[in-house]
Amino acid sequence: MSIGFTIGKFAPLHKGHQYLIEKGIKEMDEFYVIVYETKVIDIPVETRANWIKKLYPKAKIIYAKNPPSQYGMDEESVKIQTDYLKNIIKDVPVTHFYSSEPYGKFVARDLKIEDVQVDRLRQKYNISATEIRNNIEKNKKYVEDIVYKEILE
């Protein structure tokens, strides 16, 4: 049985995230989305997870509350992050990690699972959540209506 997962703040959820989630759901028997708490956007983790639940009822949601604050590609930061993920996903026999980021190879390595890179060069959707947060009107086409409305509230 193939069980994949991805992680993110989804702050906000956008077409690039959706493409990755859709690919995971299509390719895996089960697919989990780990939604991180974050202070980069004033929208609760539950609301951001609900966007995913509404759009992808087959996706299983896991909340990443109180995540470590240390990030980076150095071995110490990677270990802190992957240890945190191992604890969150410990009861799920994952086989694949889906991402569009360089850190994907480290997560897959440390969890001893397959690394699946999706649109790493952003050829399908050349957008980031930061760009959307910086100018929601200009980038409205990259977010679903349910996301757009809640960003404006």
N, C-alpha and C. Protein backbone atom coordinates (compact mmCIF):
# COMPACT_ATOMS: atom_id res chain seq x y z
N MET A 1 0.85 -1.19 0.00
CA MET A 1 0.00 0.00 0.00
C MET A 1 0.89 1.24 0.00
N SER A 2 0.58 2.20 -0.86
CA SER A 2 1.36 3.43 -0.93
C SER A 2 0.66 4.53 -0.14
N ILE A 3 1.44 5.16 0.74
CA ILE A 3 0.90 6.23 1.58
C ILE A 3 1.84 7.42 1.49
N GLY A 4 1.33 8.49 0.94
CA GLY A 4 2.14 9.69 0.77
C GLY A 4 1.69 10.81 1.68
N PHE A 5 2.57 11.80 1.81
CA PHE A 5 2.19 12.99 2.57
C PHE A 5 2.98 14.19 2.09
N THR A 6 2.44 15.35 2.44
CA THR A 6 3.11 16.61 2.18
C THR A 6 2.93 17.48 3.41
N ILE A 7 3.71 18.55 3.47
CA ILE A 7 3.62 19.48 4.59
C ILE A 7 3.51 20.89 4.04
N GLY A 8 2.98 21.79 4.86
CA GLY A 8 2.94 23.18 4.46
C GLY A 8 2.18 24.04 5.43
N LYS A 9 2.37 25.34 5.25
CA LYS A 9 1.59 26.31 6.02
C LYS A 9 0.30 26.63 5.27
N PHE A 10 0.35 26.53 3.95
CA PHE A 10 -0.81 26.81 3.10
C PHE A 10 -1.38 28.18 3.48
N ALA A 11 -0.47 29.17 3.48
CA ALA A 11 -0.77 30.49 3.99
C ALA A 11 -0.61 31.56 2.92
N PRO A 12 -1.50 31.59 1.94
CA PRO A 12 -2.69 30.76 1.78
C PRO A 12 -2.46 29.56 0.84
N LEU A 13 -3.45 28.68 0.85
CA LEU A 13 -3.51 27.58 -0.11
C LEU A 13 -3.62 28.18 -1.51
N HIS A 14 -2.79 27.70 -2.44
CA HIS A 14 -2.86 28.22 -3.80
C HIS A 14 -2.74 27.09 -4.82
N LYS A 15 -2.84 27.45 -6.08
CA LYS A 15 -2.88 26.47 -7.18
C LYS A 15 -1.65 25.56 -7.20
N GLY A 16 -0.49 26.07 -6.83
CA GLY A 16 0.70 25.23 -6.77
C GLY A 16 0.56 24.15 -5.71
N HIS A 17 0.06 24.54 -4.52
CA HIS A 17 -0.21 23.55 -3.47
C HIS A 17 -1.23 22.53 -3.96
N GLN A 18 -2.26 23.03 -4.59
CA GLN A 18 -3.34 22.16 -5.04
C GLN A 18 -2.83 21.14 -6.07
N TYR A 19 -1.97 21.58 -6.95
CA TYR A 19 -1.41 20.68 -7.95
C TYR A 19 -0.65 19.54 -7.26
N LEU A 20 0.13 19.88 -6.27
CA LEU A 20 0.90 18.88 -5.52
C LEU A 20 -0.04 17.91 -4.79
N ILE A 21 -1.06 18.43 -4.11
CA ILE A 21 -2.02 17.60 -3.38
C ILE A 21 -2.77 16.69 -4.35
N GLU A 22 -3.21 17.24 -5.46
CA GLU A 22 -3.94 16.44 -6.46
C GLU A 22 -3.08 15.29 -6.99
N LYS A 23 -1.81 15.57 -7.24
CA LYS A 23 -0.90 14.53 -7.72
C LYS A 23 -0.74 13.44 -6.66
N GLY A 24 -0.58 13.82 -5.42
CA GLY A 24 -0.45 12.85 -4.34
C GLY A 24 -1.69 11.99 -4.18
N ILE A 25 -2.85 12.61 -4.21
CA ILE A 25 -4.11 11.86 -4.08
C ILE A 25 -4.26 10.88 -5.24
N LYS A 26 -3.91 11.32 -6.43
CA LYS A 26 -4.05 10.48 -7.63
C LYS A 26 -3.09 9.28 -7.60
N GLU A 27 -1.87 9.50 -7.13
CA GLU A 27 -0.84 8.48 -7.20
C GLU A 27 -0.79 7.53 -6.00
N MET A 28 -1.30 7.95 -4.87
CA MET A 28 -1.18 7.16 -3.64
C MET A 28 -2.50 6.49 -3.26
N ASP A 29 -2.40 5.42 -2.49
CA ASP A 29 -3.61 4.80 -1.93
C ASP A 29 -4.21 5.68 -0.85
N GLU A 30 -3.35 6.33 -0.07
CA GLU A 30 -3.77 7.30 0.95
C GLU A 30 -2.83 8.49 0.84
N PHE A 31 -3.37 9.68 1.15
CA PHE A 31 -2.54 10.87 1.10
C PHE A 31 -2.87 11.78 2.28
N TYR A 32 -1.83 12.17 3.00
CA TYR A 32 -1.95 13.02 4.18
C TYR A 32 -1.39 14.40 3.88
N VAL A 33 -2.04 15.40 4.45
CA VAL A 33 -1.55 16.77 4.35
C VAL A 33 -1.34 17.27 5.78
N ILE A 34 -0.10 17.60 6.09
CA ILE A 34 0.24 18.13 7.41
C ILE A 34 0.23 19.65 7.30
N VAL A 35 -0.65 20.28 8.08
CA VAL A 35 -0.84 21.73 8.02
C VAL A 35 -0.19 22.35 9.27
N TYR A 36 0.82 23.17 9.04
CA TYR A 36 1.58 23.79 10.12
C TYR A 36 0.91 25.05 10.66
N GLU A 37 0.99 25.22 11.97
CA GLU A 37 0.66 26.50 12.57
C GLU A 37 1.71 27.50 12.09
N THR A 38 1.30 28.74 11.95
CA THR A 38 2.23 29.79 11.51
C THR A 38 1.73 31.15 11.92
N LYS A 39 2.65 32.07 12.04
CA LYS A 39 2.30 33.45 12.35
C LYS A 39 2.42 34.35 11.10
N VAL A 40 2.75 33.75 9.94
CA VAL A 40 2.93 34.58 8.74
C VAL A 40 1.60 35.07 8.17
N ILE A 41 0.51 34.48 8.61
CA ILE A 41 -0.81 34.91 8.14
C ILE A 41 -1.76 34.79 9.33
N ASP A 42 -2.67 35.72 9.42
CA ASP A 42 -3.59 35.76 10.56
C ASP A 42 -4.84 34.93 10.28
N ILE A 43 -4.63 33.71 9.86
CA ILE A 43 -5.73 32.78 9.61
C ILE A 43 -5.38 31.49 10.35
N PRO A 44 -6.23 31.04 11.25
CA PRO A 44 -5.92 29.87 12.07
C PRO A 44 -5.64 28.62 11.24
N VAL A 45 -4.85 27.72 11.82
CA VAL A 45 -4.49 26.47 11.17
C VAL A 45 -5.74 25.66 10.82
N GLU A 46 -6.76 25.71 11.66
CA GLU A 46 -8.00 24.97 11.40
C GLU A 46 -8.71 25.48 10.14
N THR A 47 -8.70 26.78 9.95
CA THR A 47 -9.32 27.38 8.76
C THR A 47 -8.56 26.96 7.51
N ARG A 48 -7.24 27.02 7.57
CA ARG A 48 -6.43 26.63 6.41
C ARG A 48 -6.59 25.15 6.10
N ALA A 49 -6.68 24.33 7.15
CA ALA A 49 -6.92 22.89 6.94
C ALA A 49 -8.30 22.65 6.34
N ASN A 50 -9.28 23.44 6.74
CA ASN A 50 -10.64 23.29 6.21
C ASN A 50 -10.71 23.60 4.72
N TRP A 51 -9.87 24.50 4.23
CA TRP A 51 -9.83 24.74 2.78
C TRP A 51 -9.48 23.44 2.08
N ILE A 52 -8.49 22.76 2.60
CA ILE A 52 -8.04 21.50 1.99
C ILE A 52 -9.11 20.43 2.12
N LYS A 53 -9.74 20.34 3.28
CA LYS A 53 -10.81 19.35 3.50
C LYS A 53 -11.96 19.55 2.53
N LYS A 54 -12.33 20.81 2.32
CA LYS A 54 -13.46 21.11 1.42
C LYS A 54 -13.11 20.76 -0.03
N LEU A 55 -11.91 21.09 -0.44
CA LEU A 55 -11.52 20.87 -1.82
C LEU A 55 -11.08 19.42 -2.09
N TYR A 56 -10.56 18.76 -1.08
CA TYR A 56 -10.01 17.41 -1.23
C TYR A 56 -10.46 16.51 -0.09
N PRO A 57 -11.71 16.07 -0.12
CA PRO A 57 -12.22 15.24 0.97
C PRO A 57 -11.47 13.92 1.16
N LYS A 58 -10.74 13.46 0.12
CA LYS A 58 -9.96 12.22 0.24
C LYS A 58 -8.66 12.42 1.02
N ALA A 59 -8.20 13.65 1.10
CA ALA A 59 -6.96 13.93 1.82
C ALA A 59 -7.21 13.83 3.32
N LYS A 60 -6.26 13.25 4.01
CA LYS A 60 -6.33 13.14 5.46
C LYS A 60 -5.48 14.26 6.04
N ILE A 61 -6.05 14.99 6.99
CA ILE A 61 -5.38 16.16 7.55
C ILE A 61 -4.76 15.83 8.90
N ILE A 62 -3.54 16.31 9.09
CA ILE A 62 -2.86 16.25 10.38
C ILE A 62 -2.41 17.67 10.71
N TYR A 63 -2.69 18.11 11.94
CA TYR A 63 -2.28 19.44 12.37
C TYR A 63 -0.87 19.40 12.95
N ALA A 64 -0.05 20.35 12.56
CA ALA A 64 1.30 20.49 13.10
C ALA A 64 1.30 21.70 14.03
N LYS A 65 0.96 21.43 15.28
CA LYS A 65 0.88 22.51 16.26
C LYS A 65 2.22 22.65 16.97
N ASN A 66 2.55 23.88 17.32
CA ASN A 66 3.81 24.20 18.00
C ASN A 66 5.03 23.63 17.28
N PRO A 67 5.17 23.94 16.00
CA PRO A 67 6.34 23.42 15.27
C PRO A 67 7.63 24.09 15.74
N PRO A 68 8.75 23.45 15.51
CA PRO A 68 10.03 24.08 15.88
C PRO A 68 10.24 25.37 15.10
N SER A 69 10.89 26.30 15.71
CA SER A 69 11.12 27.59 15.05
C SER A 69 12.40 27.60 14.23
N GLN A 70 13.27 26.61 14.44
CA GLN A 70 14.53 26.56 13.71
C GLN A 70 14.32 25.92 12.34
N TYR A 71 14.62 26.72 11.30
CA TYR A 71 14.53 26.24 9.92
C TYR A 71 15.86 26.42 9.24
N GLY A 72 16.08 25.66 8.21
CA GLY A 72 17.30 25.82 7.43
C GLY A 72 17.65 24.51 6.76
N MET A 73 18.66 24.56 5.91
CA MET A 73 19.11 23.37 5.18
C MET A 73 20.36 22.77 5.81
N ASP A 74 20.83 23.34 6.92
CA ASP A 74 21.96 22.74 7.62
C ASP A 74 21.50 21.49 8.35
N GLU A 75 22.42 20.58 8.63
CA GLU A 75 22.05 19.28 9.21
C GLU A 75 21.32 19.41 10.55
N GLU A 76 21.72 20.36 11.39
CA GLU A 76 21.05 20.52 12.69
C GLU A 76 19.59 20.92 12.51
N SER A 77 19.33 21.90 11.66
CA SER A 77 17.96 22.35 11.41
C SER A 77 17.13 21.25 10.77
N VAL A 78 17.72 20.55 9.81
CA VAL A 78 17.02 19.46 9.14
C VAL A 78 16.64 18.39 10.15
N LYS A 79 17.56 18.04 11.05
CA LYS A 79 17.28 17.02 12.06
C LYS A 79 16.15 17.47 12.98
N ILE A 80 16.16 18.71 13.40
CA ILE A 80 15.10 19.23 14.28
C ILE A 80 13.75 19.10 13.57
N GLN A 81 13.70 19.51 12.33
CA GLN A 81 12.44 19.47 11.58
C GLN A 81 11.99 18.03 11.30
N THR A 82 12.91 17.19 10.87
CA THR A 82 12.50 15.82 10.54
C THR A 82 12.15 15.03 11.80
N ASP A 83 12.80 15.29 12.92
CA ASP A 83 12.41 14.64 14.18
C ASP A 83 10.99 15.04 14.56
N TYR A 84 10.68 16.31 14.36
CA TYR A 84 9.32 16.79 14.62
C TYR A 84 8.31 16.07 13.72
N LEU A 85 8.64 15.96 12.45
CA LEU A 85 7.75 15.26 11.50
C LEU A 85 7.61 13.78 11.84
N LYS A 86 8.71 13.14 12.20
CA LYS A 86 8.65 11.72 12.58
C LYS A 86 7.65 11.51 13.71
N ASN A 87 7.64 12.42 14.67
CA ASN A 87 6.72 12.31 15.79
C ASN A 87 5.28 12.50 15.35
N ILE A 88 5.04 13.44 14.47
CA ILE A 88 3.67 13.71 13.99
C ILE A 88 3.13 12.54 13.17
N ILE A 89 3.97 11.94 12.37
CA ILE A 89 3.53 10.92 11.41
C ILE A 89 3.82 9.49 11.90
N LYS A 90 4.23 9.38 13.16
CA LYS A 90 4.72 8.08 13.68
C LYS A 90 3.73 6.93 13.56
N ASP A 91 2.43 7.21 13.58
CA ASP A 91 1.44 6.14 13.51
C ASP A 91 0.95 5.85 12.10
N VAL A 92 1.55 6.52 11.12
CA VAL A 92 1.16 6.35 9.72
C VAL A 92 2.34 5.75 8.96
N PRO A 93 2.18 4.59 8.34
CA PRO A 93 3.29 3.95 7.63
C PRO A 93 3.53 4.57 6.24
N VAL A 94 4.03 5.81 6.25
CA VAL A 94 4.23 6.55 5.00
C VAL A 94 5.31 5.90 4.14
N THR A 95 5.12 6.03 2.84
CA THR A 95 6.07 5.48 1.87
C THR A 95 6.65 6.53 0.93
N HIS A 96 5.99 7.69 0.84
CA HIS A 96 6.40 8.74 -0.11
C HIS A 96 6.21 10.12 0.52
N PHE A 97 7.15 11.02 0.22
CA PHE A 97 7.02 12.42 0.64
C PHE A 97 6.95 13.29 -0.61
N TYR A 98 5.90 14.09 -0.70
CA TYR A 98 5.66 14.98 -1.84
C TYR A 98 6.01 16.41 -1.46
N SER A 99 6.81 17.05 -2.31
CA SER A 99 7.11 18.46 -2.10
C SER A 99 7.58 19.08 -3.40
N SER A 100 7.75 20.39 -3.35
CA SER A 100 8.31 21.14 -4.47
C SER A 100 9.55 21.88 -4.01
N GLU A 101 10.09 21.45 -2.90
CA GLU A 101 11.18 22.17 -2.25
C GLU A 101 12.43 21.31 -2.09
N PRO A 102 13.60 21.95 -1.99
CA PRO A 102 14.85 21.20 -1.81
C PRO A 102 14.87 20.33 -0.55
N TYR A 103 14.15 20.77 0.50
CA TYR A 103 14.18 20.00 1.75
C TYR A 103 13.52 18.63 1.61
N GLY A 104 12.77 18.41 0.54
CA GLY A 104 12.09 17.13 0.35
C GLY A 104 13.03 15.94 0.40
N LYS A 105 14.21 16.10 -0.19
CA LYS A 105 15.15 14.98 -0.20
C LYS A 105 15.62 14.63 1.21
N PHE A 106 15.70 15.63 2.10
CA PHE A 106 16.13 15.36 3.48
C PHE A 106 15.02 14.69 4.29
N VAL A 107 13.80 15.14 4.08
CA VAL A 107 12.67 14.50 4.77
C VAL A 107 12.59 13.04 4.35
N ALA A 108 12.63 12.80 3.05
CA ALA A 108 12.55 11.43 2.53
C ALA A 108 13.72 10.59 3.05
N ARG A 109 14.90 11.16 3.03
CA ARG A 109 16.09 10.43 3.51
C ARG A 109 15.92 10.04 4.98
N ASP A 110 15.55 10.99 5.81
CA ASP A 110 15.47 10.74 7.25
C ASP A 110 14.31 9.84 7.64
N LEU A 111 13.25 9.84 6.84
CA LEU A 111 12.13 8.95 7.11
C LEU A 111 12.26 7.63 6.35
N LYS A 112 13.32 7.55 5.54
CA LYS A 112 13.60 6.34 4.74
C LYS A 112 12.43 5.99 3.82
N ILE A 113 11.96 7.02 3.10
CA ILE A 113 10.86 6.86 2.16
C ILE A 113 11.25 7.51 0.83
N GLU A 114 10.38 7.40 -0.15
CA GLU A 114 10.68 7.94 -1.48
C GLU A 114 10.36 9.44 -1.55
N ASP A 115 11.27 10.18 -2.17
CA ASP A 115 11.11 11.62 -2.39
C ASP A 115 10.43 11.84 -3.73
N VAL A 116 9.29 12.51 -3.73
CA VAL A 116 8.57 12.82 -4.97
C VAL A 116 8.57 14.34 -5.13
N GLN A 117 9.30 14.82 -6.11
CA GLN A 117 9.36 16.26 -6.41
C GLN A 117 8.28 16.59 -7.43
N VAL A 118 7.49 17.62 -7.14
CA VAL A 118 6.38 18.03 -8.00
C VAL A 118 6.62 19.47 -8.45
N ASP A 119 6.76 19.68 -9.74
CA ASP A 119 6.91 21.01 -10.33
C ASP A 119 7.96 21.85 -9.60
N ARG A 120 9.10 21.24 -9.34
CA ARG A 120 10.18 21.88 -8.58
C ARG A 120 10.60 23.22 -9.19
N LEU A 121 10.57 23.32 -10.51
CA LEU A 121 11.00 24.55 -11.18
C LEU A 121 9.85 25.54 -11.37
N ARG A 122 8.69 25.23 -10.81
CA ARG A 122 7.51 26.11 -10.87
C ARG A 122 7.11 26.44 -12.31
N GLN A 123 7.15 25.42 -13.16
CA GLN A 123 6.77 25.64 -14.55
C GLN A 123 5.27 25.64 -14.72
N LYS A 124 4.56 24.88 -13.92
CA LYS A 124 3.10 24.82 -14.04
C LYS A 124 2.46 26.02 -13.35
N TYR A 125 2.87 26.28 -12.13
CA TYR A 125 2.34 27.42 -11.35
C TYR A 125 3.51 28.18 -10.75
N ASN A 126 3.85 29.27 -11.36
CA ASN A 126 4.98 30.08 -10.89
C ASN A 126 4.47 31.13 -9.90
N ILE A 127 4.18 30.65 -8.69
CA ILE A 127 3.61 31.53 -7.66
C ILE A 127 4.06 31.02 -6.29
N SER A 128 4.07 31.90 -5.31
CA SER A 128 4.35 31.51 -3.93
C SER A 128 3.30 32.15 -3.03
N ALA A 129 3.14 31.59 -1.86
CA ALA A 129 2.19 32.14 -0.90
C ALA A 129 2.61 33.55 -0.49
N THR A 130 3.91 33.79 -0.41
CA THR A 130 4.40 35.13 -0.07
C THR A 130 3.93 36.15 -1.10
N GLU A 131 4.07 35.82 -2.38
CA GLU A 131 3.61 36.74 -3.43
C GLU A 131 2.11 37.01 -3.30
N ILE A 132 1.36 35.98 -2.99
CA ILE A 132 -0.09 36.14 -2.84
C ILE A 132 -0.40 37.04 -1.64
N ARG A 133 0.26 36.79 -0.52
CA ARG A 133 0.03 37.63 0.66
C ARG A 133 0.39 39.08 0.38
N ASN A 134 1.44 39.29 -0.40
CA ASN A 134 1.89 40.66 -0.70
C ASN A 134 0.96 41.41 -1.64
N ASN A 135 0.21 40.68 -2.47
CA ASN A 135 -0.72 41.34 -3.40
C ASN A 135 -1.81 40.37 -3.81
N ILE A 136 -2.80 40.24 -2.95
CA ILE A 136 -3.88 39.28 -3.19
C ILE A 136 -4.67 39.61 -4.45
N GLU A 137 -4.90 40.87 -4.71
CA GLU A 137 -5.69 41.24 -5.89
C GLU A 137 -4.98 40.85 -7.18
N LYS A 138 -3.70 41.13 -7.27
CA LYS A 138 -2.93 40.80 -8.46
C LYS A 138 -2.86 39.29 -8.68
N ASN A 139 -2.85 38.53 -7.59
CA ASN A 139 -2.66 37.09 -7.67
C ASN A 139 -3.92 36.28 -7.37
N LYS A 140 -5.05 36.91 -7.44
CA LYS A 140 -6.33 36.27 -7.14
C LYS A 140 -6.56 35.00 -7.97
N LYS A 141 -6.06 34.97 -9.18
CA LYS A 141 -6.28 33.82 -10.06
C LYS A 141 -5.62 32.54 -9.54
N TYR A 142 -4.72 32.67 -8.58
CA TYR A 142 -4.03 31.50 -8.05
C TYR A 142 -4.69 30.89 -6.81
N VAL A 143 -5.80 31.49 -6.36
CA VAL A 143 -6.47 30.96 -5.17
C VAL A 143 -7.95 30.70 -5.46
N GLU A 144 -8.48 29.68 -4.80
CA GLU A 144 -9.90 29.36 -4.92
C GLU A 144 -10.73 30.43 -4.24
N ASP A 145 -11.99 30.54 -4.62
CA ASP A 145 -12.88 31.55 -4.04
C ASP A 145 -13.00 31.42 -2.53
N ILE A 146 -13.08 30.17 -2.01
CA ILE A 146 -13.22 30.02 -0.56
C ILE A 146 -11.99 30.56 0.18
N VAL A 147 -10.84 30.45 -0.43
CA VAL A 147 -9.61 30.96 0.16
C VAL A 147 -9.59 32.48 0.05
N TYR A 148 -9.88 32.99 -1.12
CA TYR A 148 -9.86 34.43 -1.38
C TYR A 148 -10.78 35.17 -0.40
N LYS A 149 -11.99 34.68 -0.22
CA LYS A 149 -12.96 35.33 0.67
C LYS A 149 -12.46 35.38 2.09
N GLU A 150 -11.86 34.29 2.56
CA GLU A 150 -11.40 34.27 3.95
C GLU A 150 -10.14 35.09 4.17
N ILE A 151 -9.34 35.27 3.14
CA ILE A 151 -8.17 36.13 3.26
C ILE A 151 -8.62 37.58 3.46
N LEU A 152 -9.69 37.95 2.80
CA LEU A 152 -10.16 39.33 2.87
C LEU A 152 -10.93 39.65 4.14
N GLU A 153 -11.39 38.63 4.84
CA GLU A 153 -12.18 38.88 6.06
C GLU A 153 -11.36 39.52 7.15
